[in-house]
Amino acid sequence: RASIDEKIASGRMDFVDDLANIARR
């Protein structure tokens, strides 16, 4: 939910970079 909330305003999300790659976050 937090990952989606960070990107929802832009209308774009890369599954790997913005959600699955928890180490980057």
PDB file of all heavy atoms in Angstrom:
ATOM      1  N   ARG A   1       0.830  -1.216   0.000  1.00  0.00           N
ATOM      2  CA  ARG A   1       0.000   0.000   0.000  1.00  0.00           C
ATOM      3  C   ARG A   1       0.859   1.258   0.000  1.00  0.00           C
ATOM      4  O   ARG A   1       0.588   2.216  -0.729  1.00  0.00           O
ATOM      5  CB  ARG A   1      -0.936  -0.001   1.202  1.00  0.00           C
ATOM      6  CG  ARG A   1      -2.149  -0.828   1.002  1.00  0.00           C
ATOM      7  CD  ARG A   1      -3.191  -0.560   2.101  1.00  0.00           C
ATOM      8  NE  ARG A   1      -4.113  -1.669   2.101  1.00  0.00           N
ATOM      9  CZ  ARG A   1      -4.055  -2.711   2.920  1.00  0.00           C
ATOM     10  NH1 ARG A   1      -3.123  -2.788   3.836  1.00  0.00           N
ATOM     11  NH2 ARG A   1      -4.939  -3.681   2.849  1.00  0.00           N
ATOM     12  N   ALA A   2       1.905   1.282   0.834  1.00  0.00           N
ATOM     13  CA  ALA A   2       2.781   2.453   0.896  1.00  0.00           C
ATOM     14  C   ALA A   2       3.494   2.673  -0.440  1.00  0.00           C
ATOM     15  O   ALA A   2       3.626   3.815  -0.896  1.00  0.00           O
ATOM     16  CB  ALA A   2       3.796   2.286   2.027  1.00  0.00           C
ATOM     17  N   SER A   3       3.927   1.596  -1.071  1.00  0.00           N
ATOM     18  CA  SER A   3       4.609   1.707  -2.363  1.00  0.00           C
ATOM     19  C   SER A   3       3.673   2.264  -3.429  1.00  0.00           C
ATOM     20  O   SER A   3       4.067   3.121  -4.225  1.00  0.00           O
ATOM     21  CB  SER A   3       5.139   0.341  -2.801  1.00  0.00           C
ATOM     22  OG  SER A   3       6.084  -0.129  -1.877  1.00  0.00           O
ATOM     23  N   ILE A   4       2.460   1.775  -3.446  1.00  0.00           N
ATOM     24  CA  ILE A   4       1.479   2.266  -4.421  1.00  0.00           C
ATOM     25  C   ILE A   4       1.127   3.716  -4.120  1.00  0.00           C
ATOM     26  O   ILE A   4       1.034   4.544  -5.037  1.00  0.00           O
ATOM     27  CB  ILE A   4       0.234   1.363  -4.434  1.00  0.00           C
ATOM     28  CG1 ILE A   4       0.606  -0.002  -5.017  1.00  0.00           C
ATOM     29  CG2 ILE A   4      -0.899   2.010  -5.226  1.00  0.00           C
ATOM     30  CD1 ILE A   4      -0.477  -1.056  -4.895  1.00  0.00           C
ATOM     31  N   ASP A   5       0.936   4.060  -2.852  1.00  0.00           N
ATOM     32  CA  ASP A   5       0.604   5.438  -2.470  1.00  0.00           C
ATOM     33  C   ASP A   5       1.667   6.426  -2.925  1.00  0.00           C
ATOM     34  O   ASP A   5       1.353   7.548  -3.315  1.00  0.00           O
ATOM     35  CB  ASP A   5       0.412   5.549  -0.961  1.00  0.00           C
ATOM     36  CG  ASP A   5      -0.890   4.919  -0.486  1.00  0.00           C
ATOM     37  OD1 ASP A   5      -1.756   4.600  -1.342  1.00  0.00           O
ATOM     38  OD2 ASP A   5      -1.041   4.739   0.743  1.00  0.00           O
ATOM     39  N   GLU A   6       2.946   6.003  -2.882  1.00  0.00           N
ATOM     40  CA  GLU A   6       4.025   6.891  -3.316  1.00  0.00           C
ATOM     41  C   GLU A   6       3.954   7.206  -4.810  1.00  0.00           C
ATOM     42  O   GLU A   6       4.416   8.247  -5.254  1.00  0.00           O
ATOM     43  CB  GLU A   6       5.385   6.252  -3.034  1.00  0.00           C
ATOM     44  CG  GLU A   6       5.789   6.266  -1.587  1.00  0.00           C
ATOM     45  CD  GLU A   6       7.155   5.620  -1.371  1.00  0.00           C
ATOM     46  OE1 GLU A   6       7.804   5.224  -2.364  1.00  0.00           O
ATOM     47  OE2 GLU A   6       7.558   5.508  -0.210  1.00  0.00           O
ATOM     48  N   LYS A   7       3.408   6.294  -5.595  1.00  0.00           N
ATOM     49  CA  LYS A   7       3.432   6.446  -7.055  1.00  0.00           C
ATOM     50  C   LYS A   7       2.070   6.773  -7.668  1.00  0.00           C
ATOM     51  O   LYS A   7       1.995   7.104  -8.841  1.00  0.00           O
ATOM     52  CB  LYS A   7       3.948   5.145  -7.699  1.00  0.00           C
ATOM     53  CG  LYS A   7       5.373   4.835  -7.337  1.00  0.00           C
ATOM     54  CD  LYS A   7       6.285   5.871  -7.940  1.00  0.00           C
ATOM     55  CE  LYS A   7       7.726   5.608  -7.651  1.00  0.00           C
ATOM     56  NZ  LYS A   7       8.605   6.500  -8.363  1.00  0.00           N
ATOM     57  N   ILE A   8       1.000   6.673  -6.901  1.00  0.00           N
ATOM     58  CA  ILE A   8      -0.333   6.761  -7.483  1.00  0.00           C
ATOM     59  C   ILE A   8      -0.592   8.100  -8.171  1.00  0.00           C
ATOM     60  O   ILE A   8      -1.258   8.158  -9.198  1.00  0.00           O
ATOM     61  CB  ILE A   8      -1.417   6.436  -6.428  1.00  0.00           C
ATOM     62  CG1 ILE A   8      -2.703   6.045  -7.131  1.00  0.00           C
ATOM     63  CG2 ILE A   8      -1.599   7.586  -5.448  1.00  0.00           C
ATOM     64  CD1 ILE A   8      -3.668   5.307  -6.253  1.00  0.00           C
ATOM     65  N   ALA A   9      -0.065   9.185  -7.629  1.00  0.00           N
ATOM     66  CA  ALA A   9      -0.290  10.497  -8.222  1.00  0.00           C
ATOM     67  C   ALA A   9       0.317  10.606  -9.615  1.00  0.00           C
ATOM     68  O   ALA A   9      -0.219  11.293 -10.487  1.00  0.00           O
ATOM     69  CB  ALA A   9       0.264  11.597  -7.322  1.00  0.00           C
ATOM     70  N   SER A  10       1.420   9.911  -9.838  1.00  0.00           N
ATOM     71  CA  SER A  10       2.073   9.981 -11.150  1.00  0.00           C
ATOM     72  C   SER A  10       1.352   9.129 -12.188  1.00  0.00           C
ATOM     73  O   SER A  10       1.513   9.334 -13.382  1.00  0.00           O
ATOM     74  CB  SER A  10       3.534   9.525 -11.041  1.00  0.00           C
ATOM     75  OG  SER A  10       3.601   8.120 -10.850  1.00  0.00           O
ATOM     76  N   GLY A  11       0.596   8.141 -11.711  1.00  0.00           N
ATOM     77  CA  GLY A  11      -0.106   7.261 -12.644  1.00  0.00           C
ATOM     78  C   GLY A  11       0.794   6.218 -13.284  1.00  0.00           C
ATOM     79  O   GLY A  11       0.380   5.491 -14.177  1.00  0.00           O
ATOM     80  N   ARG A  12       2.020   6.106 -12.805  1.00  0.00           N
ATOM     81  CA  ARG A  12       2.975   5.139 -13.352  1.00  0.00           C
ATOM     82  C   ARG A  12       3.675   4.421 -12.220  1.00  0.00           C
ATOM     83  O   ARG A  12       3.973   5.003 -11.190  1.00  0.00           O
ATOM     84  CB  ARG A  12       4.029   5.851 -14.194  1.00  0.00           C
ATOM     85  CG  ARG A  12       3.474   6.603 -15.362  1.00  0.00           C
ATOM     86  CD  ARG A  12       4.618   7.171 -16.150  1.00  0.00           C
ATOM     87  NE  ARG A  12       5.160   6.104 -16.973  1.00  0.00           N
ATOM     88  CZ  ARG A  12       4.996   6.039 -18.289  1.00  0.00           C
ATOM     89  NH1 ARG A  12       4.349   6.978 -18.905  1.00  0.00           N
ATOM     90  NH2 ARG A  12       5.506   5.050 -18.972  1.00  0.00           N
ATOM     91  N   MET A  13       3.974   3.147 -12.464  1.00  0.00           N
ATOM     92  CA  MET A  13       4.708   2.369 -11.470  1.00  0.00           C
ATOM     93  C   MET A  13       5.448   1.253 -12.182  1.00  0.00           C
ATOM     94  O   MET A  13       4.864   0.533 -12.976  1.00  0.00           O
ATOM     95  CB  MET A  13       3.748   1.793 -10.435  1.00  0.00           C
ATOM     96  CG  MET A  13       4.418   1.043  -9.325  1.00  0.00           C
ATOM     97  SD  MET A  13       3.212   0.596  -8.079  1.00  0.00           S
ATOM     98  CE  MET A  13       4.277   0.410  -6.680  1.00  0.00           C
ATOM     99  N   ASP A  14       6.721   1.132 -11.894  1.00  0.00           N
ATOM    100  CA  ASP A  14       7.497   0.029 -12.406  1.00  0.00           C
ATOM    101  C   ASP A  14       7.477  -1.057 -11.334  1.00  0.00           C
ATOM    102  O   ASP A  14       7.909  -0.832 -10.200  1.00  0.00           O
ATOM    103  CB  ASP A  14       8.941   0.459 -12.677  1.00  0.00           C
ATOM    104  CG  ASP A  14       9.765  -0.670 -13.261  1.00  0.00           C
ATOM    105  OD1 ASP A  14      10.220  -1.534 -12.483  1.00  0.00           O
ATOM    106  OD2 ASP A  14       9.922  -0.695 -14.488  1.00  0.00           O
ATOM    107  N   PHE A  15       6.957  -2.216 -11.680  1.00  0.00           N
ATOM    108  CA  PHE A  15       6.794  -3.269 -10.687  1.00  0.00           C
ATOM    109  C   PHE A  15       8.107  -3.629 -10.010  1.00  0.00           C
ATOM    110  O   PHE A  15       8.178  -3.745  -8.790  1.00  0.00           O
ATOM    111  CB  PHE A  15       6.172  -4.517 -11.329  1.00  0.00           C
ATOM    112  CG  PHE A  15       5.980  -5.639 -10.355  1.00  0.00           C
ATOM    113  CD1 PHE A  15       4.897  -5.652  -9.500  1.00  0.00           C
ATOM    114  CD2 PHE A  15       6.898  -6.671 -10.273  1.00  0.00           C
ATOM    115  CE1 PHE A  15       4.725  -6.666  -8.582  1.00  0.00           C
ATOM    116  CE2 PHE A  15       6.733  -7.703  -9.354  1.00  0.00           C
ATOM    117  CZ  PHE A  15       5.647  -7.699  -8.511  1.00  0.00           C
ATOM    118  N   VAL A  16       9.172  -3.779 -10.776  1.00  0.00           N
ATOM    119  CA  VAL A  16      10.454  -4.187 -10.195  1.00  0.00           C
ATOM    120  C   VAL A  16      11.075  -3.049  -9.391  1.00  0.00           C
ATOM    121  O   VAL A  16      11.392  -3.198  -8.219  1.00  0.00           O
ATOM    122  CB  VAL A  16      11.433  -4.687 -11.282  1.00  0.00           C
ATOM    123  CG1 VAL A  16      12.813  -4.926 -10.705  1.00  0.00           C
ATOM    124  CG2 VAL A  16      10.891  -5.957 -11.919  1.00  0.00           C
ATOM    125  N   ASP A  17      11.262  -1.901 -10.001  1.00  0.00           N
ATOM    126  CA  ASP A  17      11.939  -0.795  -9.320  1.00  0.00           C
ATOM    127  C   ASP A  17      11.136  -0.202  -8.170  1.00  0.00           C
ATOM    128  O   ASP A  17      11.695   0.172  -7.145  1.00  0.00           O
ATOM    129  CB  ASP A  17      12.269   0.320 -10.311  1.00  0.00           C
ATOM    130  CG  ASP A  17      13.491   0.009 -11.145  1.00  0.00           C
ATOM    131  OD1 ASP A  17      14.286  -0.848 -10.733  1.00  0.00           O
ATOM    132  OD2 ASP A  17      13.643   0.635 -12.200  1.00  0.00           O
ATOM    133  N   ASP A  18       9.839  -0.079  -8.332  1.00  0.00           N
ATOM    134  CA  ASP A  18       9.038   0.645  -7.351  1.00  0.00           C
ATOM    135  C   ASP A  18       8.309  -0.227  -6.339  1.00  0.00           C
ATOM    136  O   ASP A  18       7.796   0.280  -5.356  1.00  0.00           O
ATOM    137  CB  ASP A  18       8.011   1.519  -8.081  1.00  0.00           C
ATOM    138  CG  ASP A  18       8.673   2.527  -8.986  1.00  0.00           C
ATOM    139  OD1 ASP A  18       9.746   3.046  -8.605  1.00  0.00           O
ATOM    140  OD2 ASP A  18       8.146   2.803 -10.073  1.00  0.00           O
ATOM    141  N   LEU A  19       8.265  -1.529  -6.571  1.00  0.00           N
ATOM    142  CA  LEU A  19       7.555  -2.393  -5.638  1.00  0.00           C
ATOM    143  C   LEU A  19       8.388  -3.598  -5.207  1.00  0.00           C
ATOM    144  O   LEU A  19       8.619  -3.810  -4.034  1.00  0.00           O
ATOM    145  CB  LEU A  19       6.221  -2.865  -6.243  1.00  0.00           C
ATOM    146  CG  LEU A  19       5.367  -3.761  -5.358  1.00  0.00           C
ATOM    147  CD1 LEU A  19       4.936  -3.024  -4.107  1.00  0.00           C
ATOM    148  CD2 LEU A  19       4.157  -4.252  -6.126  1.00  0.00           C
ATOM    149  N   ALA A  20       8.858  -4.374  -6.151  1.00  0.00           N
ATOM    150  CA  ALA A  20       9.515  -5.638  -5.818  1.00  0.00           C
ATOM    151  C   ALA A  20      10.930  -5.461  -5.276  1.00  0.00           C
ATOM    152  O   ALA A  20      11.399  -6.292  -4.505  1.00  0.00           O
ATOM    153  CB  ALA A  20       9.548  -6.552  -7.043  1.00  0.00           C
ATOM    154  N   ASN A  21      11.620  -4.412  -5.640  1.00  0.00           N
ATOM    155  CA  ASN A  21      13.011  -4.224  -5.218  1.00  0.00           C
ATOM    156  C   ASN A  21      13.060  -3.524  -3.865  1.00  0.00           C
ATOM    157  O   ASN A  21      13.435  -2.367  -3.756  1.00  0.00           O
ATOM    158  CB  ASN A  21      13.768  -3.432  -6.283  1.00  0.00           C
ATOM    159  CG  ASN A  21      15.252  -3.475  -6.057  1.00  0.00           C
ATOM    160  OD1 ASN A  21      15.730  -4.000  -5.067  1.00  0.00           O
ATOM    161  ND2 ASN A  21      15.996  -2.902  -6.983  1.00  0.00           N
ATOM    162  N   ILE A  22      12.709  -4.259  -2.830  1.00  0.00           N
ATOM    163  CA  ILE A  22      12.631  -3.686  -1.487  1.00  0.00           C
ATOM    164  C   ILE A  22      13.987  -3.183  -1.008  1.00  0.00           C
ATOM    165  O   ILE A  22      14.070  -2.223  -0.246  1.00  0.00           O
ATOM    166  CB  ILE A  22      12.001  -4.691  -0.500  1.00  0.00           C
ATOM    167  CG1 ILE A  22      11.652  -4.012   0.818  1.00  0.00           C
ATOM    168  CG2 ILE A  22      12.932  -5.856  -0.259  1.00  0.00           C
ATOM    169  CD1 ILE A  22      10.496  -3.091   0.751  1.00  0.00           C
ATOM    170  N   ALA A  23      15.070  -3.782  -1.457  1.00  0.00           N
ATOM    171  CA  ALA A  23      16.400  -3.354  -1.015  1.00  0.00           C
ATOM    172  C   ALA A  23      16.671  -1.912  -1.432  1.00  0.00           C
ATOM    173  O   ALA A  23      17.316  -1.158  -0.705  1.00  0.00           O
ATOM    174  CB  ALA A  23      17.467  -4.273  -1.589  1.00  0.00           C
ATOM    175  N   ARG A  24      16.161  -1.506  -2.573  1.00  0.00           N
ATOM    176  CA  ARG A  24      16.370  -0.136  -3.047  1.00  0.00           C
ATOM    177  C   ARG A  24      15.579   0.866  -2.209  1.00  0.00           C
ATOM    178  O   ARG A  24      15.915   2.013  -2.097  1.00  0.00           O
ATOM    179  CB  ARG A  24      15.956  -0.039  -4.515  1.00  0.00           C
ATOM    180  CG  ARG A  24      16.345   1.270  -5.160  1.00  0.00           C
ATOM    181  CD  ARG A  24      15.912   1.321  -6.601  1.00  0.00           C
ATOM    182  NE  ARG A  24      14.493   1.436  -6.795  1.00  0.00           N
ATOM    183  CZ  ARG A  24      13.779   2.554  -6.575  1.00  0.00           C
ATOM    184  NH1 ARG A  24      14.371   3.631  -6.129  1.00  0.00           N
ATOM    185  NH2 ARG A  24      12.492   2.578  -6.797  1.00  0.00           N
ATOM    186  N   ARG A  25      14.502   0.403  -1.615  1.00  0.00           N
ATOM    187  CA  ARG A  25      13.609   1.285  -0.869  1.00  0.00           C
ATOM    188  C   ARG A  25      14.112   1.576   0.534  1.00  0.00           C
ATOM    189  O   ARG A  25      13.693   2.514   1.154  1.00  0.00           O
ATOM    190  CB  ARG A  25      12.221   0.668  -0.793  1.00  0.00           C
ATOM    191  CG  ARG A  25      11.630   0.391  -2.157  1.00  0.00           C
ATOM    192  CD  ARG A  25      10.282  -0.287  -2.048  1.00  0.00           C
ATOM    193  NE  ARG A  25       9.372   0.457  -1.212  1.00  0.00           N
ATOM    194  CZ  ARG A  25       8.780   1.590  -1.542  1.00  0.00           C
ATOM    195  NH1 ARG A  25       9.019   2.117  -2.713  1.00  0.00           N
ATOM    196  NH2 ARG A  25       7.955   2.185  -0.727  1.00  0.00           N
TER     197      ARG A  25
END
